[in-house]
Amino acid sequence: MSRFLAQKPRAMMTCNKYPRVCRAAGSPGPDCCKRKCVNVMWDRFNCGKCGKKCKYSEICCKGKCVNPMSNRLHCGDCYNRCTKGSKCLYGMCSYA
């Protein structure tokens, strides 16, 4: 048997044991939620805090769930503001 096959499998580094792994380059985010690195400011399954899910039609913008189809401050995307007097419909400002 080769030495490679004889080695014991290494334990995977998870953020619940090693939280600094989330701050490494290439990490999805600096926060650890359920053993996964995420960014609670933008993750719709952990929006603002671990486990807080946004509704199906919502996105997470800086830790708050918003509906980009009708929100004047987040129309179509985070922080895409509609001009004064215009409405956000279907994710577009001043639609028809």
N, C-alpha and C. Protein backbone atom coordinates (compact mmCIF):
# COMPACT_ATOMS: atom_id res chain seq x y z
N MET A 1 0.85 -1.17 0.00
CA MET A 1 0.00 0.00 0.00
C MET A 1 0.90 1.24 0.00
N SER A 2 0.53 2.22 -0.79
CA SER A 2 1.34 3.43 -0.87
C SER A 2 1.12 4.31 0.36
N ARG A 3 2.06 5.23 0.58
CA ARG A 3 1.93 6.16 1.71
C ARG A 3 0.71 7.05 1.53
N PHE A 4 0.42 7.40 0.27
CA PHE A 4 -0.73 8.27 -0.01
C PHE A 4 -2.03 7.61 0.46
N LEU A 5 -2.21 6.34 0.13
CA LEU A 5 -3.43 5.63 0.52
C LEU A 5 -3.48 5.33 2.00
N ALA A 6 -2.34 5.24 2.63
CA ALA A 6 -2.28 4.93 4.06
C ALA A 6 -2.57 6.13 4.95
N GLN A 7 -2.52 7.34 4.38
CA GLN A 7 -2.75 8.54 5.18
C GLN A 7 -4.19 8.62 5.65
N LYS A 8 -4.37 9.17 6.83
CA LYS A 8 -5.71 9.40 7.35
C LYS A 8 -6.28 10.64 6.66
N PRO A 9 -7.57 10.66 6.37
CA PRO A 9 -8.14 11.85 5.75
C PRO A 9 -8.08 13.03 6.72
N ARG A 10 -7.75 14.17 6.19
CA ARG A 10 -7.67 15.37 7.03
C ARG A 10 -9.06 15.95 7.25
N ALA A 11 -9.24 16.50 8.40
CA ALA A 11 -10.52 17.16 8.72
C ALA A 11 -10.61 18.46 7.93
N MET A 12 -11.79 18.71 7.39
CA MET A 12 -11.99 19.93 6.63
C MET A 12 -12.01 21.13 7.59
N MET A 13 -11.38 22.21 7.17
CA MET A 13 -11.38 23.42 8.00
C MET A 13 -12.73 24.11 7.86
N THR A 14 -13.49 24.14 8.93
CA THR A 14 -14.77 24.83 8.91
C THR A 14 -14.68 26.07 9.78
N CYS A 15 -15.48 27.06 9.45
CA CYS A 15 -15.37 28.33 10.16
C CYS A 15 -15.88 28.26 11.59
N ASN A 16 -16.68 27.26 11.94
CA ASN A 16 -17.11 27.18 13.34
C ASN A 16 -15.94 26.84 14.25
N LYS A 17 -14.93 26.13 13.72
CA LYS A 17 -13.73 25.83 14.50
C LYS A 17 -12.61 26.83 14.24
N TYR A 18 -12.55 27.34 13.01
CA TYR A 18 -11.50 28.27 12.60
C TYR A 18 -12.14 29.50 11.94
N PRO A 19 -12.71 30.43 12.73
CA PRO A 19 -13.42 31.58 12.16
C PRO A 19 -12.56 32.48 11.26
N ARG A 20 -11.24 32.45 11.46
CA ARG A 20 -10.37 33.30 10.64
C ARG A 20 -10.33 32.86 9.18
N VAL A 21 -10.76 31.63 8.91
CA VAL A 21 -10.76 31.12 7.55
C VAL A 21 -11.70 31.97 6.66
N CYS A 22 -12.72 32.58 7.23
CA CYS A 22 -13.65 33.41 6.47
C CYS A 22 -13.04 34.75 6.04
N ARG A 23 -11.97 35.15 6.68
CA ARG A 23 -11.33 36.42 6.34
C ARG A 23 -10.22 36.24 5.30
N ALA A 24 -9.99 35.01 4.89
CA ALA A 24 -8.94 34.72 3.91
C ALA A 24 -9.35 35.20 2.52
N ALA A 25 -8.36 35.48 1.69
CA ALA A 25 -8.62 35.92 0.32
C ALA A 25 -9.40 34.83 -0.42
N GLY A 26 -10.40 35.24 -1.17
CA GLY A 26 -11.21 34.30 -1.93
C GLY A 26 -12.39 33.72 -1.17
N SER A 27 -12.54 34.10 0.09
CA SER A 27 -13.65 33.62 0.90
C SER A 27 -14.95 34.30 0.44
N PRO A 28 -16.09 33.60 0.47
CA PRO A 28 -17.36 34.22 0.09
C PRO A 28 -17.78 35.37 1.01
N GLY A 29 -17.26 35.41 2.23
CA GLY A 29 -17.61 36.48 3.14
C GLY A 29 -16.93 36.31 4.49
N PRO A 30 -16.94 37.36 5.31
CA PRO A 30 -16.22 37.34 6.59
C PRO A 30 -16.99 36.74 7.76
N ASP A 31 -18.26 36.37 7.55
CA ASP A 31 -19.10 35.88 8.64
C ASP A 31 -19.29 34.37 8.55
N CYS A 32 -19.39 33.72 9.69
CA CYS A 32 -19.58 32.26 9.74
C CYS A 32 -21.01 31.95 10.16
N CYS A 33 -21.78 31.33 9.26
CA CYS A 33 -23.15 30.93 9.54
C CYS A 33 -23.32 29.46 9.17
N LYS A 34 -23.66 28.65 10.16
CA LYS A 34 -23.86 27.21 9.96
C LYS A 34 -22.69 26.57 9.21
N ARG A 35 -21.50 26.84 9.69
CA ARG A 35 -20.26 26.25 9.17
C ARG A 35 -19.88 26.72 7.77
N LYS A 36 -20.50 27.81 7.28
CA LYS A 36 -20.18 28.34 5.96
C LYS A 36 -19.81 29.81 6.08
N CYS A 37 -18.85 30.22 5.28
CA CYS A 37 -18.47 31.63 5.23
C CYS A 37 -19.46 32.36 4.33
N VAL A 38 -20.05 33.42 4.84
CA VAL A 38 -21.01 34.22 4.09
C VAL A 38 -20.79 35.70 4.42
N ASN A 39 -21.45 36.56 3.68
CA ASN A 39 -21.45 37.99 3.97
C ASN A 39 -22.88 38.36 4.34
N VAL A 40 -23.14 38.58 5.62
CA VAL A 40 -24.51 38.86 6.08
C VAL A 40 -25.05 40.20 5.56
N MET A 41 -24.21 41.00 4.96
CA MET A 41 -24.67 42.26 4.39
C MET A 41 -25.35 42.06 3.03
N TRP A 42 -25.04 40.95 2.33
CA TRP A 42 -25.56 40.75 0.97
C TRP A 42 -26.16 39.36 0.72
N ASP A 43 -26.05 38.44 1.66
CA ASP A 43 -26.52 37.07 1.47
C ASP A 43 -28.01 36.95 1.80
N ARG A 44 -28.85 36.57 0.84
CA ARG A 44 -30.30 36.55 1.08
C ARG A 44 -30.75 35.44 2.02
N PHE A 45 -29.88 34.48 2.32
CA PHE A 45 -30.23 33.42 3.27
C PHE A 45 -29.73 33.73 4.69
N ASN A 46 -28.92 34.75 4.82
CA ASN A 46 -28.38 35.20 6.12
C ASN A 46 -28.30 36.73 6.08
N CYS A 47 -29.42 37.38 5.93
CA CYS A 47 -29.46 38.83 5.71
C CYS A 47 -29.48 39.60 7.03
N GLY A 48 -28.39 40.23 7.35
CA GLY A 48 -28.27 41.00 8.59
C GLY A 48 -27.78 40.17 9.76
N LYS A 49 -28.16 38.89 9.77
CA LYS A 49 -27.70 37.96 10.81
C LYS A 49 -27.87 36.54 10.29
N CYS A 50 -27.21 35.62 10.91
CA CYS A 50 -27.27 34.22 10.49
C CYS A 50 -28.70 33.68 10.59
N GLY A 51 -29.14 33.03 9.53
CA GLY A 51 -30.45 32.39 9.52
C GLY A 51 -31.62 33.25 9.13
N LYS A 52 -31.43 34.56 8.96
CA LYS A 52 -32.54 35.44 8.56
C LYS A 52 -32.65 35.40 7.03
N LYS A 53 -33.72 34.74 6.54
CA LYS A 53 -33.92 34.58 5.10
C LYS A 53 -34.82 35.67 4.56
N CYS A 54 -34.45 36.19 3.40
CA CYS A 54 -35.32 37.13 2.70
C CYS A 54 -36.40 36.33 1.99
N LYS A 55 -37.55 36.96 1.75
CA LYS A 55 -38.62 36.31 1.00
C LYS A 55 -38.15 36.05 -0.43
N TYR A 56 -38.88 35.20 -1.14
CA TYR A 56 -38.50 34.81 -2.50
C TYR A 56 -38.28 36.02 -3.41
N SER A 57 -39.13 37.03 -3.30
CA SER A 57 -39.06 38.19 -4.18
C SER A 57 -38.08 39.26 -3.69
N GLU A 58 -37.42 39.03 -2.57
CA GLU A 58 -36.54 40.04 -1.98
C GLU A 58 -35.06 39.72 -2.19
N ILE A 59 -34.25 40.78 -2.08
CA ILE A 59 -32.79 40.65 -2.09
C ILE A 59 -32.26 41.28 -0.81
N CYS A 60 -31.03 40.99 -0.47
CA CYS A 60 -30.42 41.53 0.74
C CYS A 60 -29.53 42.71 0.36
N CYS A 61 -29.85 43.88 0.88
CA CYS A 61 -29.07 45.10 0.63
C CYS A 61 -28.56 45.63 1.96
N LYS A 62 -27.30 45.49 2.19
CA LYS A 62 -26.63 45.95 3.39
C LYS A 62 -27.35 45.48 4.66
N GLY A 63 -27.69 44.19 4.68
CA GLY A 63 -28.28 43.59 5.86
C GLY A 63 -29.78 43.75 6.02
N LYS A 64 -30.48 44.27 4.99
CA LYS A 64 -31.93 44.43 5.05
C LYS A 64 -32.56 43.80 3.82
N CYS A 65 -33.66 43.09 4.03
CA CYS A 65 -34.39 42.49 2.92
C CYS A 65 -35.27 43.55 2.26
N VAL A 66 -35.14 43.69 0.96
CA VAL A 66 -35.94 44.67 0.21
C VAL A 66 -36.48 44.02 -1.06
N ASN A 67 -37.58 44.56 -1.57
CA ASN A 67 -38.16 44.07 -2.82
C ASN A 67 -37.71 45.00 -3.95
N PRO A 68 -36.81 44.54 -4.82
CA PRO A 68 -36.27 45.41 -5.87
C PRO A 68 -37.27 45.70 -6.99
N MET A 69 -38.43 45.04 -6.96
CA MET A 69 -39.44 45.29 -7.99
C MET A 69 -40.29 46.51 -7.68
N SER A 70 -40.31 46.94 -6.41
CA SER A 70 -41.18 48.06 -6.05
C SER A 70 -40.56 49.07 -5.09
N ASN A 71 -39.35 48.84 -4.62
CA ASN A 71 -38.72 49.73 -3.65
C ASN A 71 -38.01 50.88 -4.36
N ARG A 72 -38.42 52.12 -4.10
CA ARG A 72 -37.84 53.30 -4.77
C ARG A 72 -36.36 53.48 -4.47
N LEU A 73 -35.90 53.03 -3.30
CA LEU A 73 -34.49 53.20 -2.94
C LEU A 73 -33.60 52.09 -3.49
N HIS A 74 -34.21 50.97 -3.84
CA HIS A 74 -33.47 49.80 -4.34
C HIS A 74 -34.21 49.24 -5.56
N CYS A 75 -34.44 50.03 -6.56
CA CYS A 75 -35.24 49.66 -7.72
C CYS A 75 -34.41 48.83 -8.72
N GLY A 76 -34.69 47.55 -8.79
CA GLY A 76 -33.96 46.67 -9.70
C GLY A 76 -32.68 46.11 -9.12
N ASP A 77 -32.06 46.84 -8.21
CA ASP A 77 -30.81 46.42 -7.58
C ASP A 77 -30.58 47.26 -6.32
N CYS A 78 -29.66 46.85 -5.50
CA CYS A 78 -29.35 47.60 -4.28
C CYS A 78 -28.89 49.02 -4.61
N TYR A 79 -29.47 49.96 -3.92
CA TYR A 79 -29.10 51.38 -3.99
C TYR A 79 -29.27 52.00 -5.37
N ASN A 80 -30.17 51.47 -6.18
CA ASN A 80 -30.53 52.10 -7.45
C ASN A 80 -31.78 52.93 -7.19
N ARG A 81 -31.58 54.21 -6.86
CA ARG A 81 -32.68 55.09 -6.46
C ARG A 81 -33.42 55.66 -7.67
N CYS A 82 -34.73 55.73 -7.52
CA CYS A 82 -35.55 56.41 -8.52
C CYS A 82 -35.53 57.90 -8.21
N THR A 83 -35.63 58.72 -9.24
CA THR A 83 -35.64 60.17 -9.04
C THR A 83 -36.92 60.59 -8.32
N LYS A 84 -36.88 61.76 -7.73
CA LYS A 84 -38.02 62.27 -6.97
C LYS A 84 -39.25 62.34 -7.88
N GLY A 85 -40.36 61.82 -7.37
CA GLY A 85 -41.61 61.85 -8.12
C GLY A 85 -41.84 60.62 -8.99
N SER A 86 -40.83 59.80 -9.20
CA SER A 86 -41.03 58.59 -10.01
C SER A 86 -41.21 57.38 -9.11
N LYS A 87 -41.90 56.38 -9.63
CA LYS A 87 -42.16 55.16 -8.88
C LYS A 87 -41.32 54.02 -9.43
N CYS A 88 -41.17 53.00 -8.62
CA CYS A 88 -40.47 51.79 -9.04
C CYS A 88 -41.51 50.71 -9.33
N LEU A 89 -41.61 50.30 -10.57
CA LEU A 89 -42.51 49.23 -10.97
C LEU A 89 -41.75 48.21 -11.78
N TYR A 90 -41.91 46.94 -11.42
CA TYR A 90 -41.24 45.85 -12.14
C TYR A 90 -39.72 46.01 -12.16
N GLY A 91 -39.18 46.67 -11.14
CA GLY A 91 -37.73 46.85 -11.04
C GLY A 91 -37.18 47.96 -11.92
N MET A 92 -38.07 48.81 -12.43
CA MET A 92 -37.64 49.93 -13.28
C MET A 92 -38.28 51.22 -12.79
N CYS A 93 -37.50 52.28 -12.80
CA CYS A 93 -38.02 53.59 -12.41
C CYS A 93 -38.85 54.18 -13.55
N SER A 94 -39.96 54.80 -13.20
CA SER A 94 -40.85 55.46 -14.16
C SER A 94 -41.26 54.54 -15.29
N TYR A 95 -41.65 53.33 -14.95
CA TYR A 95 -42.07 52.35 -15.97
C TYR A 95 -43.36 52.82 -16.64
N ALA A 96 -43.34 52.95 -17.95
CA ALA A 96 -44.46 53.36 -18.80
C ALA A 96 -45.28 54.41 -18.12
